[in-house]
């Protein structure tokens, strides 16, 4: 997927990972709270899978960040 390599998307992925770390959560902890696998979280953060807007809202709520944090 070429679009996941775009600079803006790479910045988004960096913020997604940073927000989790700022929240003091591991990928395993996030996965458990989302009823997903750790691989889901890892692939979301690495760009191996696209994060849709509903998932972004869920991550934002979990990490206590506004959605705009990830897009700015």
Protein backbone atom coordinates (compact mmCIF):
# COMPACT_ATOMS: atom_id res chain seq x y z
CA UNK A 1 0.00 0.00 0.00
CA UNK A 2 1.72 3.07 -1.20
CA UNK A 3 -0.60 5.47 0.68
CA UNK A 4 0.57 4.14 4.05
CA UNK A 5 4.05 5.33 3.13
CA UNK A 6 2.96 8.92 2.50
CA UNK A 7 4.65 11.39 4.89
CA UNK A 8 1.33 12.47 6.43
CA UNK A 9 0.35 8.87 7.15
CA UNK A 10 3.77 8.12 8.62
CA UNK A 11 3.30 11.10 10.98
CA UNK A 12 -0.11 9.72 11.91
CA UNK A 13 1.43 6.34 12.74
CA UNK A 14 4.10 7.98 14.88
CA UNK A 15 1.41 9.84 16.83
CA UNK A 16 -0.66 6.68 17.22
CA UNK A 17 2.28 4.87 18.80
CA UNK A 18 3.29 7.89 20.90
CA UNK A 19 -0.24 8.30 22.24
CA UNK A 20 -0.24 4.69 23.42
CA UNK A 21 3.13 5.11 25.07
CA UNK A 22 2.05 8.42 26.67
CA UNK A 23 -0.95 6.58 28.10
CA UNK A 24 1.46 4.07 29.65
CA UNK A 25 -0.09 1.14 27.81
CA UNK A 26 1.51 -1.80 26.04
CA UNK A 27 0.17 -3.20 22.80
CA UNK A 28 -1.08 -6.23 24.72
CA UNK A 29 -3.01 -4.04 27.18
CA UNK A 30 -4.59 -2.07 24.34
CA UNK A 31 -5.51 -5.27 22.51
CA UNK A 32 -7.22 -6.64 25.60
CA UNK A 33 -9.23 -3.45 26.10
CA UNK A 34 -10.30 -3.52 22.45
CA UNK A 35 -10.99 -7.28 22.44
CA UNK A 36 -8.48 -7.60 19.61
CA UNK A 37 -5.12 -9.26 19.20
CA UNK A 38 -1.75 -7.68 19.86
CA UNK A 39 -1.06 -8.18 16.15
CA UNK A 40 -4.01 -5.89 15.34
CA UNK A 41 -2.46 -3.10 17.43
CA UNK A 42 1.01 -3.72 16.03
CA UNK A 43 -0.19 -3.72 12.42
CA UNK A 44 -2.21 -0.57 13.06
CA UNK A 45 0.87 1.21 14.43
CA UNK A 46 3.22 -0.04 11.72
CA UNK A 47 0.95 0.76 8.79
CA UNK A 48 0.52 -2.88 7.79
CA UNK A 49 -3.22 -2.21 8.05
CA UNK A 50 -5.16 1.01 7.62
CA UNK A 51 -6.89 2.54 10.64
CA UNK A 52 -10.43 3.61 9.82
CA UNK A 53 -12.16 6.58 11.42
CA UNK A 54 -14.21 4.47 13.86
CA UNK A 55 -11.07 2.69 15.06
CA UNK A 56 -9.31 6.05 15.38
CA UNK A 57 -12.09 7.34 17.63
CA UNK A 58 -11.72 4.21 19.77
CA UNK A 59 -7.94 4.61 20.02
CA UNK A 60 -8.34 8.31 20.84
CA UNK A 61 -10.81 7.60 23.64
CA UNK A 62 -8.60 4.86 25.07
CA UNK A 63 -5.49 7.06 24.93
CA UNK A 64 -7.37 10.14 26.20
CA UNK A 65 -6.42 12.25 23.22
CA UNK A 66 -8.64 14.25 20.89
CA UNK A 67 -8.91 12.85 17.37
CA UNK A 68 -7.27 16.05 16.15
CA UNK A 69 -4.06 15.02 17.99
CA UNK A 70 -3.58 12.22 15.46
CA UNK A 71 -4.35 14.35 12.43
CA UNK A 72 -2.45 17.53 13.27
